[in-house]
Amino acid sequence: MRPAVVAGHVCIDLVPELSAAPDLTPGTLNSVGRMQVRAGGCVANTGRGLAELGAPVRLFADAGDDELGRMLNQLLTERGADTGGVRLLVGAATSYSIVLEPAGADRCFLHHVGANAAFDGRDVDLTGADLLHLGYPELLPAIAAADGQALRKLLQRARDQGVTTSLDLATTDPATPPGARAAWRRVLDEIWPLVDVATPSADDLAGVYGRLPGQGADDLAVAGHRLIELGAAVVVVTAGEAGMCLVSAGRNRLAGGGRALRPMAGQWADQQVWAPATTVEVVTTLGAGDAAAAGLLYGVLAGLGPIEGLLVGTTAAALRVGGCETLPPYRKEQGPWDFSTRST
């Protein structure tokens, strides 16, 4: 199994149990249920997903040396990933999100960037790694500053070392000024040639390139091909219950995609594959997109074909949505995933 590094945004998720959307009128009191405390963000969700599936993973991120930071480090360690690259910065506050997810409604977040503001990628050690997955650069002010200079440097350094690069985006704040949104779009347009695998959601892309006409297979494919035309090698666009679509560039582009992707260039080239979401009873949508990315990246690291890799991604997402706390290890030699082994 090829080893990976997952780097970027990390936080603590504070998730109160809600039976209905809270009334935020000043002076009101809302009764809520128990509070769940989870490690969140791309580093936690995608990193632990890869570790649970069976990939060797090292994590790199910044947190504070406060109580939340120590709790975060413990939660990450319990999931089996190497947290040696997670720094607890002296005097910094750990990033956290208050996740409001009423029953039967989509979630929203109250987010504090915290120590993520210091992460610029310079201390990410790629020694021995075959794949680098970087998550949520929009929520990492230092890596996105100066027209994404630090982001380019990290991706270029990985490419120079023969490491396959992977990038996941975050959904941007709707209140982001149009000028800032356009500037970020220019940054992304310039760095896609440095990205071998992209795993954005349709909502992530909407914040940068405008909302898709729909979330059907053709709509997701059009969005994916757009990033291929801008230079990416493999693009997987996720759309929640609408499913996932994988598109890829030609063999020559994939052959230049680092150690993890190069051996599969012929098998993964010139693809357009759509997979519907697995139907499950929705317990939470928190972390589902990151689980999908983890499943797809596991497929790359394990040498699976594009269809099987996409299946691992859709299934991992479905397990998270259904309330599965720990993904079952994937065994290539066993063929289709045995869902009877899932833990809840």
C-alpha atoms as a PDB file:
ATOM      1  CA  MET A   1       0.000   0.000   0.000  1.00  0.00           C
ATOM      2  CA  ARG A   2       1.411   3.366  -1.028  1.00  0.00           C
ATOM      3  CA  PRO A   3       1.821   5.926   1.815  1.00  0.00           C
ATOM      4  CA  ALA A   4       0.108   9.317   1.881  1.00  0.00           C
ATOM      5  CA  VAL A   5       0.398  12.694   3.576  1.00  0.00           C
ATOM      6  CA  VAL A   6      -2.787  14.621   4.355  1.00  0.00           C
ATOM      7  CA  ALA A   7      -2.250  18.288   5.169  1.00  0.00           C
ATOM      8  CA  GLY A   8      -4.146  21.526   5.608  1.00  0.00           C
ATOM      9  CA  HIS A   9      -7.248  22.493   7.537  1.00  0.00           C
ATOM     10  CA  VAL A  10      -8.122  20.863  10.859  1.00  0.00           C
ATOM     11  CA  CYS A  11     -10.506  21.817  13.648  1.00  0.00           C
ATOM     12  CA  ILE A  12     -12.685  20.585  16.480  1.00  0.00           C
ATOM     13  CA  ASP A  13     -16.328  20.109  15.531  1.00  0.00           C
ATOM     14  CA  LEU A  14     -18.840  20.854  18.303  1.00  0.00           C
ATOM     15  CA  VAL A  15     -22.151  19.300  17.264  1.00  0.00           C
ATOM     16  CA  PRO A  16     -25.192  19.836  19.527  1.00  0.00           C
ATOM     17  CA  GLU A  17     -28.098  17.473  18.957  1.00  0.00           C
ATOM     18  CA  LEU A  18     -30.952  19.499  17.442  1.00  0.00           C
ATOM     19  CA  SER A  19     -34.534  18.373  16.866  1.00  0.00           C
ATOM     20  CA  ALA A  20     -35.346  21.557  14.941  1.00  0.00           C
ATOM     21  CA  ALA A  21     -33.607  24.639  13.602  1.00  0.00           C
ATOM     22  CA  PRO A  22     -32.711  26.904  16.539  1.00  0.00           C
ATOM     23  CA  ASP A  23     -34.463  30.221  17.008  1.00  0.00           C
ATOM     24  CA  LEU A  24     -31.647  32.752  17.152  1.00  0.00           C
ATOM     25  CA  THR A  25     -33.858  35.680  18.170  1.00  0.00           C
ATOM     26  CA  PRO A  26     -32.050  37.565  20.962  1.00  0.00           C
ATOM     27  CA  GLY A  27     -33.304  36.550  24.390  1.00  0.00           C
ATOM     28  CA  THR A  28     -34.678  33.145  23.379  1.00  0.00           C
ATOM     29  CA  LEU A  29     -33.718  29.825  24.965  1.00  0.00           C
ATOM     30  CA  ASN A  30     -33.366  26.709  22.792  1.00  0.00           C
ATOM     31  CA  SER A  31     -33.378  23.243  24.331  1.00  0.00           C
ATOM     32  CA  VAL A  32     -30.769  20.989  22.708  1.00  0.00           C
ATOM     33  CA  GLY A  33     -29.539  17.446  23.173  1.00  0.00           C
ATOM     34  CA  ARG A  34     -26.119  16.054  23.936  1.00  0.00           C
ATOM     35  CA  MET A  35     -22.993  17.648  22.475  1.00  0.00           C
ATOM     36  CA  GLN A  36     -20.728  15.573  20.245  1.00  0.00           C
ATOM     37  CA  VAL A  37     -17.075  16.582  20.079  1.00  0.00           C
ATOM     38  CA  ARG A  38     -15.245  15.404  16.958  1.00  0.00           C
ATOM     39  CA  ALA A  39     -12.023  16.033  15.105  1.00  0.00           C
ATOM     40  CA  GLY A  40     -13.056  17.875  11.952  1.00  0.00           C
ATOM     41  CA  GLY A  41     -11.699  19.465   8.811  1.00  0.00           C
ATOM     42  CA  CYS A  42     -10.041  17.763   5.881  1.00  0.00           C
ATOM     43  CA  VAL A  43      -6.979  16.570   7.789  1.00  0.00           C
ATOM     44  CA  ALA A  44      -9.110  14.794  10.376  1.00  0.00           C
ATOM     45  CA  ASN A  45     -11.861  13.480   8.128  1.00  0.00           C
ATOM     46  CA  THR A  46      -9.943  12.459   5.014  1.00  0.00           C
ATOM     47  CA  GLY A  47      -6.861  11.478   6.991  1.00  0.00           C
ATOM     48  CA  ARG A  48      -8.716   9.192   9.356  1.00  0.00           C
ATOM     49  CA  GLY A  49     -10.788   7.781   6.508  1.00  0.00           C
ATOM     50  CA  LEU A  50      -7.644   6.717   4.682  1.00  0.00           C
ATOM     51  CA  ALA A  51      -6.181   5.247   7.876  1.00  0.00           C
ATOM     52  CA  GLU A  52      -9.369   3.300   8.628  1.00  0.00           C
ATOM     53  CA  LEU A  53      -9.496   1.919   5.100  1.00  0.00           C
ATOM     54  CA  GLY A  54      -5.956   0.659   5.510  1.00  0.00           C
ATOM     55  CA  ALA A  55      -3.609   3.264   4.003  1.00  0.00           C
ATOM     56  CA  PRO A  56      -0.517   4.477   5.895  1.00  0.00           C
ATOM     57  CA  VAL A  57      -1.105   8.181   6.553  1.00  0.00           C
ATOM     58  CA  ARG A  58       0.829  11.045   8.123  1.00  0.00           C
ATOM     59  CA  LEU A  59      -1.011  14.235   9.082  1.00  0.00           C
ATOM     60  CA  PHE A  60       0.290  17.818   8.928  1.00  0.00           C
ATOM     61  CA  ALA A  61      -1.700  20.712  10.351  1.00  0.00           C
ATOM     62  CA  ASP A  62      -1.593  23.483  12.957  1.00  0.00           C
ATOM     63  CA  ALA A  63      -3.588  23.671  16.192  1.00  0.00           C
ATOM     64  CA  GLY A  64      -3.168  25.613  19.416  1.00  0.00           C
ATOM     65  CA  ASP A  65      -1.578  24.528  22.686  1.00  0.00           C
ATOM     66  CA  ASP A  66      -4.928  24.962  24.438  1.00  0.00           C
ATOM     67  CA  GLU A  67      -7.392  22.373  25.755  1.00  0.00           C
ATOM     68  CA  LEU A  68      -9.063  22.015  22.369  1.00  0.00           C
ATOM     69  CA  GLY A  69      -5.679  21.398  20.744  1.00  0.00           C
ATOM     70  CA  ARG A  70      -4.776  18.625  23.160  1.00  0.00           C
ATOM     71  CA  MET A  71      -8.216  17.094  22.702  1.00  0.00           C
ATOM     72  CA  LEU A  72      -7.851  17.317  18.932  1.00  0.00           C
ATOM     73  CA  ASN A  73      -4.477  15.575  18.990  1.00  0.00           C
ATOM     74  CA  GLN A  74      -5.915  12.778  21.122  1.00  0.00           C
ATOM     75  CA  LEU A  75      -8.898  12.300  18.821  1.00  0.00           C
ATOM     76  CA  LEU A  76      -6.641  12.128  15.762  1.00  0.00           C
ATOM     77  CA  THR A  77      -4.278   9.653  17.404  1.00  0.00           C
ATOM     78  CA  GLU A  78      -7.160   7.365  18.328  1.00  0.00           C
ATOM     79  CA  ARG A  79      -8.052   7.039  14.621  1.00  0.00           C
ATOM     80  CA  GLY A  80      -4.732   5.414  13.742  1.00  0.00           C
ATOM     81  CA  ALA A  81      -3.029   8.162  11.725  1.00  0.00           C
ATOM     82  CA  ASP A  82       0.483   9.454  12.422  1.00  0.00           C
ATOM     83  CA  THR A  83       0.019  12.876  14.063  1.00  0.00           C
ATOM     84  CA  GLY A  84       3.707  13.749  14.338  1.00  0.00           C
ATOM     85  CA  GLY A  85       3.184  16.620  11.910  1.00  0.00           C
ATOM     86  CA  VAL A  86       0.310  18.220  13.834  1.00  0.00           C
ATOM     87  CA  ARG A  87       1.837  21.212  15.604  1.00  0.00           C
ATOM     88  CA  LEU A  88       0.381  22.669  18.796  1.00  0.00           C
ATOM     89  CA  LEU A  89       1.471  26.290  18.428  1.00  0.00           C
ATOM     90  CA  VAL A  90       2.285  28.138  21.636  1.00  0.00           C
ATOM     91  CA  GLY A  91      -0.257  30.839  22.406  1.00  0.00           C
ATOM     92  CA  ALA A  92      -2.480  29.987  19.435  1.00  0.00           C
ATOM     93  CA  ALA A  93      -6.149  29.059  19.614  1.00  0.00           C
ATOM     94  CA  THR A  94      -7.316  25.806  18.087  1.00  0.00           C
ATOM     95  CA  SER A  95      -9.774  26.153  15.222  1.00  0.00           C
ATOM     96  CA  TYR A  96     -13.309  25.017  15.954  1.00  0.00           C
ATOM     97  CA  SER A  97     -16.687  24.834  14.245  1.00  0.00           C
ATOM     98  CA  ILE A  98     -20.082  24.849  15.910  1.00  0.00           C
ATOM     99  CA  VAL A  99     -22.115  22.653  13.589  1.00  0.00           C
ATOM    100  CA  LEU A 100     -25.859  23.289  13.507  1.00  0.00           C
ATOM    101  CA  GLU A 101     -27.489  20.266  11.874  1.00  0.00           C
ATOM    102  CA  PRO A 102     -31.216  20.093  12.633  1.00  0.00           C
ATOM    103  CA  ALA A 103     -33.023  16.847  11.872  1.00  0.00           C
ATOM    104  CA  GLY A 104     -34.049  16.732   8.230  1.00  0.00           C
ATOM    105  CA  ALA A 105     -32.181  19.904   7.243  1.00  0.00           C
ATOM    106  CA  ASP A 106     -28.769  20.732   5.836  1.00  0.00           C
ATOM    107  CA  ARG A 107     -26.058  21.806   8.242  1.00  0.00           C
ATOM    108  CA  CYS A 108     -24.513  25.225   8.745  1.00  0.00           C
ATOM    109  CA  PHE A 109     -21.343  26.243  10.557  1.00  0.00           C
ATOM    110  CA  LEU A 110     -20.045  28.863  12.945  1.00  0.00           C
ATOM    111  CA  HIS A 111     -16.305  28.666  12.297  1.00  0.00           C
ATOM    112  CA  HIS A 112     -13.202  30.078  13.962  1.00  0.00           C
ATOM    113  CA  VAL A 113     -10.075  29.754  11.802  1.00  0.00           C
ATOM    114  CA  GLY A 114      -7.710  29.744  14.797  1.00  0.00           C
ATOM    115  CA  ALA A 115      -4.257  28.236  14.291  1.00  0.00           C
ATOM    116  CA  ASN A 116      -5.103  27.327  10.698  1.00  0.00           C
ATOM    117  CA  ALA A 117      -4.200  30.945   9.916  1.00  0.00           C
ATOM    118  CA  ALA A 118      -0.511  30.062  10.387  1.00  0.00           C
ATOM    119  CA  PHE A 119      -0.392  27.005   8.124  1.00  0.00           C
ATOM    120  CA  ASP A 120       1.628  27.712   4.976  1.00  0.00           C
ATOM    121  CA  GLY A 121       2.829  24.218   4.035  1.00  0.00           C
ATOM    122  CA  ARG A 122       6.543  24.867   4.517  1.00  0.00           C
ATOM    123  CA  ASP A 123       6.862  22.273   7.276  1.00  0.00           C
ATOM    124  CA  VAL A 124       5.038  19.488   5.438  1.00  0.00           C
ATOM    125  CA  ASP A 125       7.565  16.626   5.229  1.00  0.00           C
ATOM    126  CA  LEU A 126       7.006  14.577   2.073  1.00  0.00           C
ATOM    127  CA  THR A 127       9.786  12.087   2.753  1.00  0.00           C
ATOM    128  CA  GLY A 128       8.606   8.598   1.792  1.00  0.00           C
ATOM    129  CA  ALA A 129       5.166   9.794   0.634  1.00  0.00           C
ATOM    130  CA  ASP A 130       3.678   8.823  -2.719  1.00  0.00           C
ATOM    131  CA  LEU A 131       0.636  11.110  -2.447  1.00  0.00           C
ATOM    132  CA  LEU A 132      -0.049  14.512  -0.892  1.00  0.00           C
ATOM    133  CA  HIS A 133      -3.648  15.484  -0.235  1.00  0.00           C
ATOM    134  CA  LEU A 134      -4.139  19.149   0.685  1.00  0.00           C
ATOM    135  CA  GLY A 135      -7.487  20.200   2.075  1.00  0.00           C
ATOM    136  CA  TYR A 136      -9.423  23.492   2.171  1.00  0.00           C
ATOM    137  CA  PRO A 137      -6.841  26.066   1.050  1.00  0.00           C
ATOM    138  CA  GLU A 138      -9.554  28.762   1.111  1.00  0.00           C
ATOM    139  CA  LEU A 139      -9.649  28.346   4.917  1.00  0.00           C
ATOM    140  CA  LEU A 140      -5.855  28.619   5.284  1.00  0.00           C
ATOM    141  CA  PRO A 141      -5.077  32.346   5.064  1.00  0.00           C
ATOM    142  CA  ALA A 142      -1.280  31.963   4.960  1.00  0.00           C
ATOM    143  CA  ILE A 143      -1.301  29.442   2.124  1.00  0.00           C
ATOM    144  CA  ALA A 144      -3.827  31.425   0.092  1.00  0.00           C
ATOM    145  CA  ALA A 145      -2.189  34.834   0.628  1.00  0.00           C
ATOM    146  CA  ALA A 146      -0.146  36.680  -2.000  1.00  0.00           C
ATOM    147  CA  ASP A 147      -2.086  35.098  -4.872  1.00  0.00           C
ATOM    148  CA  GLY A 148      -1.565  31.594  -3.507  1.00  0.00           C
ATOM    149  CA  GLN A 149       2.231  31.743  -3.543  1.00  0.00           C
ATOM    150  CA  ALA A 150       2.653  29.271  -0.672  1.00  0.00           C
ATOM    151  CA  LEU A 151       0.066  26.923  -2.225  1.00  0.00           C
ATOM    152  CA  ARG A 152       1.997  26.864  -5.505  1.00  0.00           C
ATOM    153  CA  LYS A 153       5.280  26.254  -3.702  1.00  0.00           C
ATOM    154  CA  LEU A 154       3.924  23.264  -1.792  1.00  0.00           C
ATOM    155  CA  LEU A 155       2.337  21.667  -4.861  1.00  0.00           C
ATOM    156  CA  GLN A 156       5.432  22.324  -6.962  1.00  0.00           C
ATOM    157  CA  ARG A 157       7.692  20.861  -4.281  1.00  0.00           C
ATOM    158  CA  ALA A 158       5.573  17.729  -4.207  1.00  0.00           C
ATOM    159  CA  ARG A 159       5.654  17.433  -8.003  1.00  0.00           C
ATOM    160  CA  ASP A 160       9.442  17.926  -8.023  1.00  0.00           C
ATOM    161  CA  GLN A 161       9.757  15.031  -5.560  1.00  0.00           C
ATOM    162  CA  GLY A 162       7.596  12.734  -7.677  1.00  0.00           C
ATOM    163  CA  VAL A 163       4.657  12.878  -5.259  1.00  0.00           C
ATOM    164  CA  THR A 164       1.130  12.646  -6.665  1.00  0.00           C
ATOM    165  CA  THR A 165      -0.761  15.795  -5.659  1.00  0.00           C
ATOM    166  CA  SER A 166      -4.403  15.934  -4.582  1.00  0.00           C
ATOM    167  CA  LEU A 167      -6.516  18.967  -3.707  1.00  0.00           C
ATOM    168  CA  ASP A 168      -9.904  19.364  -2.044  1.00  0.00           C
ATOM    169  CA  LEU A 169     -11.744  22.653  -1.775  1.00  0.00           C
ATOM    170  CA  ALA A 170     -14.076  24.142   0.823  1.00  0.00           C
ATOM    171  CA  THR A 171     -17.376  25.872   0.230  1.00  0.00           C
ATOM    172  CA  THR A 172     -16.707  29.595   0.353  1.00  0.00           C
ATOM    173  CA  ASP A 173     -18.624  32.092   2.450  1.00  0.00           C
ATOM    174  CA  PRO A 174     -21.463  33.560   0.334  1.00  0.00           C
ATOM    175  CA  ALA A 175     -20.567  36.959   1.798  1.00  0.00           C
ATOM    176  CA  THR A 176     -17.106  36.832   0.196  1.00  0.00           C
ATOM    177  CA  PRO A 177     -16.677  40.041  -1.849  1.00  0.00           C
ATOM    178  CA  PRO A 178     -16.790  39.501  -5.626  1.00  0.00           C
ATOM    179  CA  GLY A 179     -13.250  40.845  -5.984  1.00  0.00           C
ATOM    180  CA  ALA A 180     -11.842  38.324  -3.525  1.00  0.00           C
ATOM    181  CA  ARG A 181     -13.812  35.532  -5.176  1.00  0.00           C
ATOM    182  CA  ALA A 182     -12.425  36.483  -8.601  1.00  0.00           C
ATOM    183  CA  ALA A 183      -8.882  36.626  -7.218  1.00  0.00           C
ATOM    184  CA  TRP A 184      -9.201  33.134  -5.762  1.00  0.00           C
ATOM    185  CA  ARG A 185     -10.549  31.874  -9.071  1.00  0.00           C
ATOM    186  CA  ARG A 186      -7.438  33.206 -10.817  1.00  0.00           C
ATOM    187  CA  VAL A 187      -5.245  31.398  -8.273  1.00  0.00           C
ATOM    188  CA  LEU A 188      -7.017  28.099  -8.869  1.00  0.00           C
ATOM    189  CA  ASP A 189      -6.955  28.481 -12.635  1.00  0.00           C
ATOM    190  CA  GLU A 190      -3.171  28.777 -12.447  1.00  0.00           C
ATOM    191  CA  ILE A 191      -2.533  25.858 -10.069  1.00  0.00           C
ATOM    192  CA  TRP A 192      -4.715  23.140 -11.662  1.00  0.00           C
ATOM    193  CA  PRO A 193      -1.768  21.944 -13.817  1.00  0.00           C
ATOM    194  CA  LEU A 194      -0.005  21.126 -10.517  1.00  0.00           C
ATOM    195  CA  VAL A 195      -2.974  19.068  -9.264  1.00  0.00           C
ATOM    196  CA  ASP A 196      -3.092  15.377 -10.195  1.00  0.00           C
ATOM    197  CA  VAL A 197      -6.317  14.506  -8.361  1.00  0.00           C
ATOM    198  CA  ALA A 198      -9.049  17.028  -7.506  1.00  0.00           C
ATOM    199  CA  THR A 199     -12.011  16.083  -5.290  1.00  0.00           C
ATOM    200  CA  PRO A 200     -14.269  19.174  -5.035  1.00  0.00           C
ATOM    201  CA  SER A 201     -17.989  19.148  -4.382  1.00  0.00           C
ATOM    202  CA  ALA A 202     -20.440  20.833  -6.710  1.00  0.00           C
ATOM    203  CA  ASP A 203     -20.996  23.454  -3.985  1.00  0.00           C
ATOM    204  CA  ASP A 204     -17.244  24.067  -3.711  1.00  0.00           C
ATOM    205  CA  LEU A 205     -17.036  24.759  -7.433  1.00  0.00           C
ATOM    206  CA  ALA A 206     -20.151  26.929  -7.336  1.00  0.00           C
ATOM    207  CA  GLY A 207     -18.406  29.327  -4.969  1.00  0.00           C
ATOM    208  CA  VAL A 208     -15.588  29.803  -7.490  1.00  0.00           C
ATOM    209  CA  TYR A 209     -16.993  29.210 -10.968  1.00  0.00           C
ATOM    210  CA  GLY A 210     -20.739  29.702 -10.497  1.00  0.00           C
ATOM    211  CA  ARG A 211     -23.496  27.262  -9.688  1.00  0.00           C
ATOM    212  CA  LEU A 212     -24.038  24.296 -12.000  1.00  0.00           C
ATOM    213  CA  PRO A 213     -27.305  24.139 -13.960  1.00  0.00           C
ATOM    214  CA  GLY A 214     -28.108  20.937 -12.092  1.00  0.00           C
ATOM    215  CA  GLN A 215     -26.458  18.050 -10.240  1.00  0.00           C
ATOM    216  CA  GLY A 216     -27.089  15.259 -12.707  1.00  0.00           C
ATOM    217  CA  ALA A 217     -24.342  13.113 -14.206  1.00  0.00           C
ATOM    218  CA  ASP A 218     -23.948  15.402 -17.233  1.00  0.00           C
ATOM    219  CA  ASP A 219     -23.714  18.536 -15.071  1.00  0.00           C
ATOM    220  CA  LEU A 220     -21.023  17.027 -12.857  1.00  0.00           C
ATOM    221  CA  ALA A 221     -19.133  15.762 -15.913  1.00  0.00           C
ATOM    222  CA  VAL A 222     -19.109  19.234 -17.487  1.00  0.00           C
ATOM    223  CA  ALA A 223     -17.695  20.697 -14.271  1.00  0.00           C
ATOM    224  CA  GLY A 224     -15.046  17.983 -14.104  1.00  0.00           C
ATOM    225  CA  HIS A 225     -13.989  18.426 -17.723  1.00  0.00           C
ATOM    226  CA  ARG A 226     -13.574  22.132 -17.113  1.00  0.00           C
ATOM    227  CA  LEU A 227     -10.882  21.423 -14.526  1.00  0.00           C
ATOM    228  CA  ILE A 228      -9.286  18.868 -16.844  1.00  0.00           C
ATOM    229  CA  GLU A 229      -9.070  21.549 -19.532  1.00  0.00           C
ATOM    230  CA  LEU A 230      -7.388  23.822 -16.978  1.00  0.00           C
ATOM    231  CA  GLY A 231      -4.714  21.183 -16.339  1.00  0.00           C
ATOM    232  CA  ALA A 232      -5.845  18.697 -13.656  1.00  0.00           C
ATOM    233  CA  ALA A 233      -5.336  14.972 -14.343  1.00  0.00           C
ATOM    234  CA  VAL A 234      -8.239  13.295 -12.495  1.00  0.00           C
ATOM    235  CA  VAL A 235     -11.298  15.143 -11.175  1.00  0.00           C
ATOM    236  CA  VAL A 236     -14.044  13.698  -9.002  1.00  0.00           C
ATOM    237  CA  VAL A 237     -16.997  16.032  -8.430  1.00  0.00           C
ATOM    238  CA  THR A 238     -19.287  15.043  -5.553  1.00  0.00           C
ATOM    239  CA  ALA A 239     -22.889  16.137  -5.138  1.00  0.00           C
ATOM    240  CA  GLY A 240     -24.219  14.459  -2.005  1.00  0.00           C
ATOM    241  CA  GLU A 241     -27.259  12.309  -2.680  1.00  0.00           C
ATOM    242  CA  ALA A 242     -26.916  13.025  -6.425  1.00  0.00           C
ATOM    243  CA  GLY A 243     -23.743  10.916  -6.555  1.00  0.00           C
ATOM    244  CA  MET A 244     -20.196  11.385  -7.861  1.00  0.00           C
ATOM    245  CA  CYS A 245     -18.658  11.797 -11.293  1.00  0.00           C
ATOM    246  CA  LEU A 246     -15.060  10.983 -12.254  1.00  0.00           C
ATOM    247  CA  VAL A 247     -13.423  12.389 -15.379  1.00  0.00           C
ATOM    248  CA  SER A 248      -9.774  12.174 -16.385  1.00  0.00           C
ATOM    249  CA  ALA A 249      -7.249  13.515 -18.859  1.00  0.00           C
ATOM    250  CA  GLY A 250      -5.239  11.523 -21.398  1.00  0.00           C
ATOM    251  CA  ARG A 251      -2.556   8.983 -20.673  1.00  0.00           C
ATOM    252  CA  ASN A 252       0.376  11.393 -21.053  1.00  0.00           C
ATOM    253  CA  ARG A 253      -1.003  13.772 -18.399  1.00  0.00           C
ATOM    254  CA  LEU A 254      -1.618  10.917 -15.959  1.00  0.00           C
ATOM    255  CA  ALA A 255       1.826   9.457 -16.637  1.00  0.00           C
ATOM    256  CA  GLY A 256       3.246  12.728 -15.306  1.00  0.00           C
ATOM    257  CA  GLY A 257       1.092  12.495 -12.193  1.00  0.00           C
ATOM    258  CA  GLY A 258       3.588  11.225  -9.650  1.00  0.00           C
ATOM    259  CA  ARG A 259       4.373   7.829  -8.157  1.00  0.00           C
ATOM    260  CA  ALA A 260       0.836   6.917  -7.085  1.00  0.00           C
ATOM    261  CA  LEU A 261      -0.899   7.778 -10.364  1.00  0.00           C
ATOM    262  CA  ARG A 262       1.770   6.996 -12.954  1.00  0.00           C
ATOM    263  CA  PRO A 263       1.502   3.164 -12.809  1.00  0.00           C
ATOM    264  CA  MET A 264      -2.249   3.389 -13.495  1.00  0.00           C
ATOM    265  CA  ALA A 265      -2.081   5.956 -16.297  1.00  0.00           C
ATOM    266  CA  GLY A 266      -3.402   3.588 -18.962  1.00  0.00           C
ATOM    267  CA  GLN A 267      -6.221   2.271 -16.765  1.00  0.00           C
ATOM    268  CA  TRP A 268      -7.393   5.672 -15.481  1.00  0.00           C
ATOM    269  CA  ALA A 269      -6.918   7.781 -18.619  1.00  0.00           C
ATOM    270  CA  ASP A 270      -9.789   9.238 -20.682  1.00  0.00           C
ATOM    271  CA  GLN A 271     -12.509   8.256 -18.230  1.00  0.00           C
ATOM    272  CA  GLN A 272     -15.992   9.605 -17.585  1.00  0.00           C
ATOM    273  CA  VAL A 273     -17.696   7.528 -14.908  1.00  0.00           C
ATOM    274  CA  TRP A 274     -20.705   8.410 -12.789  1.00  0.00           C
ATOM    275  CA  ALA A 275     -21.752   6.587  -9.624  1.00  0.00           C
ATOM    276  CA  PRO A 276     -25.055   7.178  -7.839  1.00  0.00           C
ATOM    277  CA  ALA A 277     -25.045   7.709  -4.098  1.00  0.00           C
ATOM    278  CA  THR A 278     -25.853   4.668  -1.995  1.00  0.00           C
ATOM    279  CA  THR A 279     -29.251   5.130  -0.365  1.00  0.00           C
ATOM    280  CA  VAL A 280     -29.071   5.120   3.437  1.00  0.00           C
ATOM    281  CA  GLU A 281     -31.018   6.630   6.300  1.00  0.00           C
ATOM    282  CA  VAL A 282     -29.383  10.003   6.912  1.00  0.00           C
ATOM    283  CA  VAL A 283     -27.899  10.352  10.378  1.00  0.00           C
ATOM    284  CA  THR A 284     -25.424  13.130   9.535  1.00  0.00           C
ATOM    285  CA  THR A 285     -23.894  14.682   6.441  1.00  0.00           C
ATOM    286  CA  LEU A 286     -20.859  15.891   8.397  1.00  0.00           C
ATOM    287  CA  GLY A 287     -17.636  14.583   6.854  1.00  0.00           C
ATOM    288  CA  ALA A 288     -19.369  12.728   4.016  1.00  0.00           C
ATOM    289  CA  GLY A 289     -17.514  14.591   1.257  1.00  0.00           C
ATOM    290  CA  ASP A 290     -14.181  13.983   2.975  1.00  0.00           C
ATOM    291  CA  ALA A 291     -15.041  10.291   3.312  1.00  0.00           C
ATOM    292  CA  ALA A 292     -15.785  10.166  -0.421  1.00  0.00           C
ATOM    293  CA  ALA A 293     -12.391  11.738  -1.126  1.00  0.00           C
ATOM    294  CA  ALA A 294     -10.700   9.259   1.228  1.00  0.00           C
ATOM    295  CA  GLY A 295     -12.307   6.326  -0.577  1.00  0.00           C
ATOM    296  CA  LEU A 296     -11.295   7.592  -4.005  1.00  0.00           C
ATOM    297  CA  LEU A 297      -7.723   8.322  -2.865  1.00  0.00           C
ATOM    298  CA  TYR A 298      -7.530   4.892  -1.259  1.00  0.00           C
ATOM    299  CA  GLY A 299      -8.368   3.487  -4.683  1.00  0.00           C
ATOM    300  CA  VAL A 300      -5.419   5.385  -6.164  1.00  0.00           C
ATOM    301  CA  LEU A 301      -3.035   4.279  -3.409  1.00  0.00           C
ATOM    302  CA  ALA A 302      -4.184   0.655  -3.598  1.00  0.00           C
ATOM    303  CA  GLY A 303      -3.942   0.437  -7.375  1.00  0.00           C
ATOM    304  CA  LEU A 304      -7.674  -0.069  -7.940  1.00  0.00           C
ATOM    305  CA  GLY A 305      -9.376   0.777 -11.206  1.00  0.00           C
ATOM    306  CA  PRO A 306     -11.357   4.010 -11.567  1.00  0.00           C
ATOM    307  CA  ILE A 307     -14.760   2.337 -11.224  1.00  0.00           C
ATOM    308  CA  GLU A 308     -13.764   0.415  -8.099  1.00  0.00           C
ATOM    309  CA  GLY A 309     -12.103   3.531  -6.645  1.00  0.00           C
ATOM    310  CA  LEU A 310     -15.285   5.497  -7.246  1.00  0.00           C
ATOM    311  CA  LEU A 311     -17.300   2.721  -5.588  1.00  0.00           C
ATOM    312  CA  VAL A 312     -15.102   2.845  -2.488  1.00  0.00           C
ATOM    313  CA  GLY A 313     -15.676   6.613  -2.398  1.00  0.00           C
ATOM    314  CA  THR A 314     -19.474   6.471  -2.696  1.00  0.00           C
ATOM    315  CA  THR A 315     -19.679   3.676  -0.160  1.00  0.00           C
ATOM    316  CA  ALA A 316     -17.413   5.395   2.361  1.00  0.00           C
ATOM    317  CA  ALA A 317     -19.594   8.500   2.082  1.00  0.00           C
ATOM    318  CA  ALA A 318     -22.756   6.456   2.559  1.00  0.00           C
ATOM    319  CA  LEU A 319     -21.355   4.788   5.660  1.00  0.00           C
ATOM    320  CA  ARG A 320     -20.558   8.175   7.197  1.00  0.00           C
ATOM    321  CA  VAL A 321     -24.011   9.526   6.311  1.00  0.00           C
ATOM    322  CA  GLY A 322     -25.559   6.452   7.911  1.00  0.00           C
ATOM    323  CA  GLY A 323     -23.750   7.126  11.181  1.00  0.00           C
ATOM    324  CA  CYS A 324     -20.759   4.803  10.819  1.00  0.00           C
ATOM    325  CA  GLU A 325     -18.056   6.130  13.131  1.00  0.00           C
ATOM    326  CA  THR A 326     -15.268   3.865  11.832  1.00  0.00           C
ATOM    327  CA  LEU A 327     -14.943   2.703   8.228  1.00  0.00           C
ATOM    328  CA  PRO A 328     -14.186  -1.010   7.778  1.00  0.00           C
ATOM    329  CA  PRO A 329     -10.792  -1.815   6.231  1.00  0.00           C
ATOM    330  CA  TYR A 330     -10.949  -2.424   2.491  1.00  0.00           C
ATOM    331  CA  ARG A 331      -9.411  -5.630   1.162  1.00  0.00           C
ATOM    332  CA  LYS A 332      -8.812  -5.603  -2.586  1.00  0.00           C
ATOM    333  CA  GLU A 333      -8.487  -9.376  -2.779  1.00  0.00           C
ATOM    334  CA  GLN A 334     -11.969  -9.843  -1.300  1.00  0.00           C
ATOM    335  CA  GLY A 335     -13.671  -8.063  -4.196  1.00  0.00           C
ATOM    336  CA  PRO A 336     -16.806  -5.997  -3.448  1.00  0.00           C
ATOM    337  CA  TRP A 337     -16.929  -4.420  -0.006  1.00  0.00           C
ATOM    338  CA  ASP A 338     -18.575  -6.574   2.627  1.00  0.00           C
ATOM    339  CA  PHE A 339     -20.853  -4.056   4.353  1.00  0.00           C
ATOM    340  CA  SER A 340     -21.839  -6.531   7.039  1.00  0.00           C
ATOM    341  CA  THR A 341     -18.508  -5.758   8.724  1.00  0.00           C
ATOM    342  CA  ARG A 342     -19.227  -2.057   9.210  1.00  0.00           C
ATOM    343  CA  SER A 343     -18.985  -0.682  12.742  1.00  0.00           C
ATOM    344  CA  THR A 344     -21.349   1.986  14.054  1.00  0.00           C
END
